[in-house]
Protein backbone atom coordinates (compact mmCIF):
# COMPACT_ATOMS: atom_id res chain seq x y z
CA UNK A 1 124.71 -122.01 90.47
CA UNK A 2 124.16 -121.97 86.70
CA UNK A 3 124.84 -124.55 84.01
CA UNK A 4 128.06 -122.75 83.11
CA UNK A 5 129.52 -123.07 86.60
CA UNK A 6 131.83 -126.04 86.64
CA UNK A 7 131.53 -128.29 89.64
CA UNK A 8 134.64 -130.22 90.57
CA UNK A 9 133.85 -133.11 92.94
CA UNK A 10 136.00 -133.22 96.06
CA UNK A 11 138.24 -136.20 96.66
CA UNK A 12 135.89 -137.35 99.44
CA UNK A 13 132.21 -136.41 99.51
CA UNK A 14 130.85 -135.17 102.83
CA UNK A 15 127.30 -134.41 103.93
CA UNK A 16 127.53 -130.78 104.98
CA UNK A 17 124.38 -129.20 103.56
CA UNK A 18 120.79 -130.00 102.75
CA UNK A 19 120.21 -131.46 99.30
CA UNK A 20 117.15 -132.36 97.33
CA UNK A 21 115.18 -129.16 96.84
CA UNK A 22 111.62 -129.60 98.05
CA UNK A 23 112.54 -132.89 99.75
CA UNK A 24 115.80 -131.77 101.35
CA UNK A 25 114.41 -132.10 104.87
CA UNK A 26 113.96 -135.87 104.52
CA UNK A 27 117.08 -136.69 102.51
CA UNK A 28 120.08 -138.09 104.34
CA UNK A 29 122.95 -140.48 103.51
CA UNK A 30 122.25 -142.91 106.34
CA UNK A 31 119.54 -145.48 107.04
CA UNK A 32 117.75 -146.52 110.19
CA UNK A 33 115.08 -144.93 112.40
CA UNK A 34 115.20 -141.36 113.64
CA UNK A 35 112.59 -141.83 116.37
CA UNK A 36 110.55 -144.46 118.19
CA UNK A 37 107.07 -144.97 116.81
CA UNK A 38 105.18 -148.23 116.59
CA UNK A 39 102.88 -148.80 113.63
CA UNK A 40 99.15 -149.21 114.24
CA UNK A 41 97.56 -152.58 113.49
CA UNK A 42 93.99 -152.99 112.30
CA UNK A 43 91.69 -156.00 112.17
CA UNK A 44 92.28 -157.21 108.62
CA UNK A 45 94.77 -159.82 107.32
CA UNK A 46 96.86 -157.20 105.52
CA UNK A 47 98.28 -154.02 106.99
CA UNK A 48 99.46 -151.45 104.44
CA UNK A 49 101.48 -148.39 105.40
CA UNK A 50 101.60 -146.02 102.47
CA UNK A 51 100.84 -142.74 100.73
CA UNK A 52 98.94 -142.11 97.49
CA UNK A 53 102.00 -141.60 95.30
CA UNK A 54 102.30 -143.68 92.12
CA UNK A 55 104.12 -146.44 94.01
CA UNK A 56 101.49 -146.42 96.74
CA UNK A 57 98.61 -146.43 94.24
CA UNK A 58 99.90 -149.66 92.70
CA UNK A 59 99.20 -151.57 95.90
CA UNK A 60 95.84 -150.04 96.82
CA UNK A 61 94.61 -150.68 93.26
CA UNK A 62 95.79 -154.29 93.58
CA UNK A 63 93.88 -154.79 96.83
CA UNK A 64 90.72 -153.25 95.39
CA UNK A 65 91.01 -155.38 92.24
CA UNK A 66 91.41 -158.53 94.35
CA UNK A 67 88.34 -157.67 96.41
CA UNK A 68 86.36 -156.84 93.26
CA UNK A 69 87.33 -160.24 91.85
CA UNK A 70 85.82 -161.95 94.90
CA UNK A 71 88.93 -162.58 97.00
CA UNK A 72 87.45 -161.76 100.40
CA UNK A 73 90.70 -162.73 102.10
CA UNK A 74 92.34 -159.66 100.60
CA UNK A 75 90.70 -157.28 103.07
CA UNK A 76 93.18 -154.70 104.25
CA UNK A 77 93.81 -151.71 106.46
CA UNK A 78 95.58 -148.83 104.74
CA UNK A 79 97.39 -146.49 107.14
CA UNK A 80 98.61 -143.08 106.00
CA UNK A 81 102.36 -142.42 106.14
CA UNK A 82 103.17 -138.74 105.65
CA UNK A 83 106.64 -138.89 104.15
CA UNK A 84 107.14 -135.11 104.15
CA UNK A 85 106.91 -135.30 107.94
CA UNK A 86 109.46 -138.11 108.14
CA UNK A 87 107.00 -140.75 109.39
CA UNK A 88 108.80 -143.36 107.27
CA UNK A 89 111.77 -143.05 109.63
CA UNK A 90 109.84 -144.22 112.71
CA UNK A 91 111.11 -147.42 114.31
CA UNK A 92 107.99 -149.38 113.41
CA UNK A 93 108.10 -148.40 109.76
CA UNK A 94 111.81 -149.14 109.48
CA UNK A 95 111.10 -152.59 110.92
CA UNK A 96 108.56 -153.11 108.11
CA UNK A 97 110.81 -151.61 105.45
CA UNK A 98 114.49 -151.04 106.26
CA UNK A 99 114.71 -148.88 103.13
CA UNK A 100 112.25 -146.33 104.66
CA UNK A 101 110.18 -145.95 101.50
CA UNK A 102 106.46 -146.38 100.99
CA UNK A 103 104.66 -148.68 100.49
CA UNK A 104 105.30 -151.27 103.18
CA UNK A 105 103.05 -154.26 103.76
CA UNK A 106 102.75 -156.61 106.71
CA UNK A 107 100.94 -159.81 105.77
CA UNK A 108 99.27 -161.10 108.95
CA UNK A 109 97.15 -163.72 107.21
CA UNK A 110 99.32 -166.60 108.46
CA UNK A 111 100.73 -167.78 111.77
CA UNK A 112 103.67 -165.38 111.56
CA UNK A 113 103.61 -161.81 110.16
CA UNK A 114 105.56 -161.40 106.93
CA UNK A 115 106.94 -158.02 105.89
CA UNK A 116 107.00 -157.21 102.20
CA UNK A 117 108.50 -154.04 100.77
CA UNK A 118 109.11 -152.62 97.29
CA UNK A 119 105.88 -152.15 95.36
CA UNK A 120 106.72 -154.71 92.68
CA UNK A 121 107.45 -157.35 95.31
CA UNK A 122 104.16 -156.56 97.04
CA UNK A 123 102.25 -156.98 93.77
CA UNK A 124 103.92 -160.33 93.13
CA UNK A 125 103.32 -161.48 96.71
CA UNK A 126 99.61 -160.74 96.48
CA UNK A 127 99.23 -162.09 92.94
CA UNK A 128 100.83 -165.40 93.87
CA UNK A 129 98.95 -165.64 97.18
CA UNK A 130 95.56 -165.24 95.50
CA UNK A 131 96.37 -166.68 92.08
CA UNK A 132 95.19 -163.52 90.36
CA UNK A 133 96.45 -160.95 87.84
CA UNK A 134 99.60 -162.98 87.13
CA UNK A 135 99.54 -165.61 84.38
CA UNK A 136 100.46 -169.03 85.70
CA UNK A 137 102.96 -170.01 83.05
CA UNK A 138 104.34 -169.62 79.58
CA UNK A 139 104.74 -166.59 77.37
CA UNK A 140 102.07 -164.53 79.13
CA UNK A 141 103.75 -164.96 82.53
CA UNK A 142 107.15 -164.07 81.08
CA UNK A 143 105.69 -160.96 79.45
CA UNK A 144 103.93 -159.89 82.64
CA UNK A 145 107.06 -160.22 84.77
CA UNK A 146 109.25 -158.59 82.13
CA UNK A 147 107.03 -155.52 82.01
CA UNK A 148 106.70 -155.44 85.80
CA UNK A 149 110.47 -155.33 86.17
CA UNK A 150 110.69 -152.85 83.28
CA UNK A 151 108.56 -150.48 85.32
CA UNK A 152 110.62 -150.94 88.48
CA UNK A 153 113.79 -150.18 86.55
CA UNK A 154 112.44 -147.39 84.36
CA UNK A 155 110.36 -145.27 86.73
CA UNK A 156 113.37 -143.93 88.69
CA UNK A 157 114.49 -142.18 85.50
CA UNK A 158 111.02 -140.66 85.24
CA UNK A 159 110.64 -139.75 88.92
CA UNK A 160 114.03 -139.20 90.48
CA UNK A 161 115.46 -138.13 87.15
CA UNK A 162 113.04 -136.11 85.02
CA UNK A 163 110.57 -135.27 87.77
CA UNK A 164 113.21 -134.08 90.20
CA UNK A 165 115.12 -131.85 87.81
CA UNK A 166 112.05 -130.55 85.96
CA UNK A 167 109.78 -129.87 88.95
CA UNK A 168 111.65 -129.98 92.26
CA UNK A 169 115.34 -129.15 91.92
CA UNK A 170 116.21 -125.71 93.33
CA UNK A 171 118.15 -124.91 90.15
CA UNK A 172 116.98 -125.61 86.61
CA UNK A 173 119.82 -127.43 84.87
CA UNK A 174 119.32 -127.64 81.10
CA UNK A 175 121.57 -130.65 80.64
CA UNK A 176 119.79 -132.67 83.37
CA UNK A 177 116.28 -131.78 82.16
CA UNK A 178 117.14 -132.52 78.53
CA UNK A 179 118.81 -135.80 79.42
CA UNK A 180 115.89 -137.14 81.44
CA UNK A 181 113.20 -135.68 79.15
CA UNK A 182 114.79 -137.63 76.31
CA UNK A 183 114.72 -140.82 78.36
CA UNK A 184 111.13 -140.25 79.50
CA UNK A 185 109.96 -139.77 75.93
CA UNK A 186 111.87 -142.88 74.89
CA UNK A 187 110.03 -144.84 77.57
CA UNK A 188 106.68 -143.50 76.39
CA UNK A 189 107.58 -144.58 72.88
CA UNK A 190 108.48 -148.07 74.15
CA UNK A 191 105.03 -148.31 75.72
CA UNK A 192 103.23 -146.82 72.74
CA UNK A 193 104.79 -149.24 70.25
CA UNK A 194 103.96 -152.20 72.48
CA UNK A 195 100.38 -151.09 73.14
CA UNK A 196 99.79 -150.58 69.42
CA UNK A 197 99.76 -154.37 69.19
CA UNK A 198 98.48 -155.37 72.62
CA UNK A 199 95.38 -154.45 74.63
CA UNK A 200 97.35 -154.65 77.86
CA UNK A 201 100.98 -155.04 78.77
CA UNK A 202 100.96 -158.85 78.79
CA UNK A 203 98.56 -159.26 75.86
CA UNK A 204 94.80 -159.51 76.17
CA UNK A 205 94.71 -159.93 79.97
CA UNK A 206 94.95 -157.17 82.58
CA UNK A 207 97.76 -158.07 85.00
CA UNK A 208 100.04 -156.72 87.71
CA UNK A 209 102.18 -155.30 84.91
CA UNK A 210 99.37 -152.87 84.07
CA UNK A 211 98.72 -152.20 87.75
CA UNK A 212 102.40 -151.28 88.21
CA UNK A 213 102.82 -149.13 85.10
CA UNK A 214 99.52 -147.23 85.06
CA UNK A 215 99.98 -145.02 88.16
CA UNK A 216 103.22 -143.63 86.74
CA UNK A 217 102.77 -143.53 82.99
CA UNK A 218 99.00 -143.12 82.96
CA UNK A 219 99.34 -140.02 85.13
CA UNK A 220 102.15 -138.80 82.90
CA UNK A 221 100.03 -139.37 79.78
CA UNK A 222 97.24 -137.22 81.22
CA UNK A 223 99.56 -134.38 82.20
CA UNK A 224 98.99 -135.06 85.91
CA UNK A 225 102.60 -135.82 86.75
CA UNK A 226 104.90 -132.83 87.29
CA UNK A 227 102.66 -130.67 85.06
CA UNK A 228 104.78 -131.80 82.13
CA UNK A 229 102.15 -132.93 79.64
CA UNK A 230 102.69 -130.12 77.14
CA UNK A 231 106.45 -130.10 77.64
CA UNK A 232 106.68 -133.80 76.75
CA UNK A 233 103.90 -133.68 74.12
CA UNK A 234 102.20 -136.67 75.71
CA UNK A 235 99.13 -136.50 73.46
CA UNK A 236 101.15 -137.95 70.59
CA UNK A 237 101.33 -141.33 72.34
CA UNK A 238 97.83 -142.34 71.31
CA UNK A 239 98.10 -146.04 72.22
CA UNK A 240 99.27 -145.13 75.72
CA UNK A 241 96.29 -142.76 75.90
CA UNK A 242 93.87 -145.53 74.91
CA UNK A 243 95.31 -147.93 77.48
CA UNK A 244 95.36 -145.24 80.17
CA UNK A 245 91.70 -144.39 79.62
CA UNK A 246 90.62 -148.04 79.67
CA UNK A 247 92.29 -148.72 83.01
CA UNK A 248 91.06 -145.47 84.54
CA UNK A 249 87.46 -146.61 84.00
CA UNK A 250 87.84 -149.73 86.14
CA UNK A 251 85.85 -149.27 89.39
CA UNK A 252 88.60 -150.87 91.49
CA UNK A 253 91.16 -148.50 90.01
CA UNK A 254 88.98 -145.52 90.87
CA UNK A 255 88.74 -146.72 94.46
CA UNK A 256 92.39 -147.65 94.78
CA UNK A 257 93.49 -144.24 93.55
CA UNK A 258 91.58 -142.60 96.42
CA UNK A 259 93.24 -144.54 99.24
CA UNK A 260 95.97 -142.69 101.19
CA UNK A 261 95.52 -139.75 98.83
CA UNK A 262 96.20 -136.34 100.40
CA UNK A 263 96.04 -134.05 97.35
CA UNK A 264 93.37 -132.79 94.99
CA UNK A 265 89.61 -132.73 95.36
CA UNK A 266 88.64 -133.61 98.98
CA UNK A 267 86.03 -136.01 97.56
CA UNK A 268 88.89 -137.99 95.98
CA UNK A 269 90.83 -138.33 99.24
CA UNK A 270 90.39 -141.29 101.56
CA UNK A 271 93.29 -140.81 103.95
CA UNK A 272 92.90 -144.22 105.59
CA UNK A 273 90.89 -147.22 104.51
CA UNK A 274 89.70 -149.79 107.06
CA UNK A 275 86.41 -150.91 105.53
CA UNK A 276 84.77 -150.84 102.10
CA UNK A 277 82.15 -148.45 103.49
CA UNK A 278 84.87 -145.84 104.07
CA UNK A 279 84.62 -144.82 100.41
CA UNK A 280 81.07 -143.64 101.09
CA UNK A 281 81.51 -142.17 104.56
CA UNK A 282 85.10 -141.11 105.23
CA UNK A 283 86.41 -139.18 102.24
CA UNK A 284 87.74 -135.77 103.21
CA UNK A 285 84.67 -133.91 101.97
CA UNK A 286 82.43 -135.96 104.28
CA UNK A 287 84.46 -135.68 107.47
CA UNK A 288 83.68 -132.87 109.89
CA UNK A 289 86.41 -130.23 110.21
CA UNK A 290 88.99 -131.32 112.79
């Protein structure tokens, strides 16, 4: 199908063929589990079931930042969920997140396990629980939450919109790529103008707003997302570049980015994290084959 081929929607849409390009095998118009599979449970207060995508990185960075700040109660087990294999449709995962998307968190720190899903909700849950990385009141809190929700609302245009049509769709559609490239560059400009006057998203303090935005837009700014750096001319957003570099140097961010990661340099991949020592002993380059 080309751009010039007119598509006329039927009166009633039916699911009669795979859709989604590279991800067609896991796309379907219904919810619920496809198979029985209980989730493993480790020894720590928090059980995270995730993958090292931008949304997953938000939460592992948050845990590592909490631990670095001295919150020993934030110890966690991070279990790998391979979404390309449909593991997010297992009965245990669906019980943790009925939307079947990573990340999913089960907070077992209290008398009754609490499930938390959607990455922004997880960040807020942890920030409020530990009183960290979320201003307590006033203008700074309003700014932090505004930018957190900006990210949750904006990233689907970057990922499911631009990323899908630019990198994954089986057919390159000029209209779709142009439409979402324009929106992605507009979002980068929003960030760049704001960061020209602020060290971080909520002012001078590093918060969950930065933790939420950086895995998406920091990766985009460095040309690591969809290989689209040159196409989008990301180098021109110099304030985003400054902010991206500053966050990337944080030790907790470096660790958090490794957790549940399954791509890139084997030394950067820690498929599962169950103890702080795993960063030194269980990255993929240190594990014996098999």
